[in-house]
Amino acid sequence: MSSKKKGAPLPASSGGLMRFFEDETKGFKVDPRIVVSVPISLIVVSWLIDIFLVAK
């Protein structure tokens, strides 16, 4: 019976999720505020161009 318990997956706990997100990975480190603000600013600039240049 103990061999069945060793092969069974453990339920996900918040401790396991925290260890996963704390692992260091290769690549660029980008602040989430930058990731959100760049597309929003591009949308605003696009709207301003549409309002001021196309509306004339």
N, C-alpha and C. Protein backbone atom coordinates (compact mmCIF):
# COMPACT_ATOMS: atom_id res chain seq x y z
N MET A 1 0.81 -1.19 0.00
CA MET A 1 0.00 0.00 0.00
C MET A 1 0.86 1.26 0.00
N SER A 2 2.01 1.21 0.62
CA SER A 2 2.87 2.39 0.66
C SER A 2 3.44 2.69 -0.72
N SER A 3 3.61 1.68 -1.59
CA SER A 3 4.14 1.94 -2.93
C SER A 3 3.14 2.73 -3.77
N LYS A 4 1.85 2.55 -3.55
CA LYS A 4 0.85 3.32 -4.29
C LYS A 4 0.89 4.79 -3.87
N LYS A 5 1.11 5.05 -2.60
CA LYS A 5 1.14 6.43 -2.13
C LYS A 5 2.36 7.17 -2.66
N LYS A 6 3.48 6.46 -2.85
CA LYS A 6 4.68 7.13 -3.37
C LYS A 6 4.50 7.56 -4.82
N GLY A 7 3.75 6.82 -5.60
CA GLY A 7 3.56 7.14 -7.01
C GLY A 7 2.47 8.15 -7.26
N ALA A 8 1.62 8.39 -6.29
CA ALA A 8 0.50 9.32 -6.48
C ALA A 8 1.01 10.76 -6.41
N PRO A 9 0.50 11.63 -7.30
CA PRO A 9 0.93 13.03 -7.24
C PRO A 9 0.37 13.72 -6.00
N LEU A 10 1.17 14.62 -5.49
CA LEU A 10 0.75 15.37 -4.31
C LEU A 10 -0.17 16.52 -4.73
N PRO A 11 -1.10 16.89 -3.90
CA PRO A 11 -1.96 18.04 -4.24
C PRO A 11 -1.15 19.32 -4.24
N ALA A 12 -1.54 20.24 -5.11
CA ALA A 12 -0.83 21.52 -5.20
C ALA A 12 -1.10 22.34 -3.95
N SER A 13 -0.04 22.88 -3.41
CA SER A 13 -0.19 23.75 -2.25
C SER A 13 0.43 25.09 -2.56
N SER A 14 0.11 26.07 -1.78
CA SER A 14 0.65 27.40 -2.04
C SER A 14 2.16 27.42 -1.84
N GLY A 15 2.68 26.57 -0.97
CA GLY A 15 4.13 26.51 -0.78
C GLY A 15 4.85 26.07 -2.03
N GLY A 16 4.32 25.10 -2.73
CA GLY A 16 4.93 24.64 -3.97
C GLY A 16 4.85 25.69 -5.06
N LEU A 17 3.77 26.44 -5.11
CA LEU A 17 3.64 27.49 -6.12
C LEU A 17 4.62 28.62 -5.84
N MET A 18 4.83 28.95 -4.59
CA MET A 18 5.77 30.02 -4.27
C MET A 18 7.19 29.61 -4.66
N ARG A 19 7.55 28.37 -4.43
CA ARG A 19 8.89 27.93 -4.82
C ARG A 19 9.04 27.98 -6.33
N PHE A 20 8.00 27.68 -7.08
CA PHE A 20 8.08 27.71 -8.54
C PHE A 20 8.33 29.12 -9.03
N PHE A 21 7.63 30.10 -8.50
CA PHE A 21 7.77 31.47 -8.98
C PHE A 21 9.02 32.16 -8.45
N GLU A 22 9.64 31.62 -7.42
CA GLU A 22 10.85 32.22 -6.91
C GLU A 22 12.09 31.73 -7.65
N ASP A 23 11.97 30.69 -8.46
CA ASP A 23 13.11 30.18 -9.20
C ASP A 23 13.60 31.21 -10.20
N GLU A 24 14.91 31.32 -10.30
CA GLU A 24 15.50 32.25 -11.25
C GLU A 24 15.54 31.60 -12.62
N THR A 25 15.19 32.36 -13.64
CA THR A 25 15.24 31.87 -15.00
C THR A 25 16.09 32.81 -15.83
N LYS A 26 16.58 32.31 -16.95
CA LYS A 26 17.37 33.13 -17.84
C LYS A 26 16.45 34.05 -18.63
N GLY A 27 16.98 35.18 -19.04
CA GLY A 27 16.21 36.10 -19.86
C GLY A 27 16.12 37.47 -19.25
N PHE A 28 15.39 38.33 -19.91
CA PHE A 28 15.24 39.71 -19.47
C PHE A 28 14.30 39.79 -18.29
N LYS A 29 14.61 40.68 -17.38
CA LYS A 29 13.73 40.95 -16.25
C LYS A 29 13.03 42.28 -16.55
N VAL A 30 11.72 42.24 -16.73
CA VAL A 30 10.95 43.43 -17.07
C VAL A 30 9.91 43.65 -15.98
N ASP A 31 9.83 44.89 -15.53
CA ASP A 31 8.85 45.25 -14.51
C ASP A 31 7.44 45.14 -15.10
N PRO A 32 6.50 44.55 -14.38
CA PRO A 32 5.14 44.39 -14.91
C PRO A 32 4.47 45.72 -15.23
N ARG A 33 4.84 46.78 -14.52
CA ARG A 33 4.26 48.10 -14.83
C ARG A 33 4.65 48.57 -16.22
N ILE A 34 5.86 48.25 -16.66
CA ILE A 34 6.30 48.61 -18.00
C ILE A 34 5.52 47.80 -19.03
N VAL A 35 5.32 46.53 -18.76
CA VAL A 35 4.60 45.65 -19.69
C VAL A 35 3.17 46.14 -19.88
N VAL A 36 2.56 46.68 -18.85
CA VAL A 36 1.18 47.17 -18.95
C VAL A 36 1.14 48.58 -19.54
N SER A 37 2.09 49.43 -19.16
CA SER A 37 2.02 50.84 -19.57
C SER A 37 2.39 51.06 -21.04
N VAL A 38 3.27 50.25 -21.60
CA VAL A 38 3.67 50.45 -23.00
C VAL A 38 2.49 50.21 -23.96
N PRO A 39 1.76 49.10 -23.87
CA PRO A 39 0.62 48.95 -24.79
C PRO A 39 -0.46 50.00 -24.57
N ILE A 40 -0.71 50.37 -23.32
CA ILE A 40 -1.73 51.40 -23.06
C ILE A 40 -1.30 52.72 -23.68
N SER A 41 -0.03 53.08 -23.54
CA SER A 41 0.43 54.34 -24.14
C SER A 41 0.38 54.29 -25.66
N LEU A 42 0.65 53.14 -26.26
CA LEU A 42 0.54 53.03 -27.72
C LEU A 42 -0.90 53.18 -28.18
N ILE A 43 -1.84 52.67 -27.41
CA ILE A 43 -3.25 52.82 -27.75
C ILE A 43 -3.66 54.28 -27.66
N VAL A 44 -3.21 54.97 -26.61
CA VAL A 44 -3.55 56.38 -26.44
C VAL A 44 -2.95 57.21 -27.57
N VAL A 45 -1.71 56.96 -27.93
CA VAL A 45 -1.08 57.69 -29.04
C VAL A 45 -1.82 57.42 -30.34
N SER A 46 -2.23 56.20 -30.55
CA SER A 46 -2.99 55.87 -31.76
C SER A 46 -4.31 56.62 -31.80
N TRP A 47 -5.00 56.69 -30.66
CA TRP A 47 -6.26 57.44 -30.61
C TRP A 47 -6.03 58.93 -30.86
N LEU A 48 -4.97 59.49 -30.30
CA LEU A 48 -4.68 60.91 -30.51
C LEU A 48 -4.36 61.20 -31.97
N ILE A 49 -3.60 60.35 -32.61
CA ILE A 49 -3.31 60.52 -34.03
C ILE A 49 -4.59 60.44 -34.85
N ASP A 50 -5.44 59.49 -34.48
CA ASP A 50 -6.72 59.35 -35.21
C ASP A 50 -7.60 60.58 -35.02
N ILE A 51 -7.64 61.12 -33.83
CA ILE A 51 -8.49 62.29 -33.55
C ILE A 51 -7.96 63.54 -34.24
N PHE A 52 -6.66 63.80 -34.14
CA PHE A 52 -6.12 65.06 -34.64
C PHE A 52 -5.79 65.05 -36.12
N LEU A 53 -5.40 63.94 -36.68
CA LEU A 53 -4.98 63.92 -38.08
C LEU A 53 -6.08 63.46 -39.02
N VAL A 54 -6.86 62.49 -38.64
CA VAL A 54 -7.88 61.94 -39.52
C VAL A 54 -9.14 62.78 -39.46
N ALA A 55 -9.43 63.39 -38.34
CA ALA A 55 -10.66 64.14 -38.17
C ALA A 55 -10.66 65.45 -38.96
N LYS A 56 -9.51 65.91 -39.41
CA LYS A 56 -9.45 67.19 -40.11
C LYS A 56 -9.93 67.10 -41.51
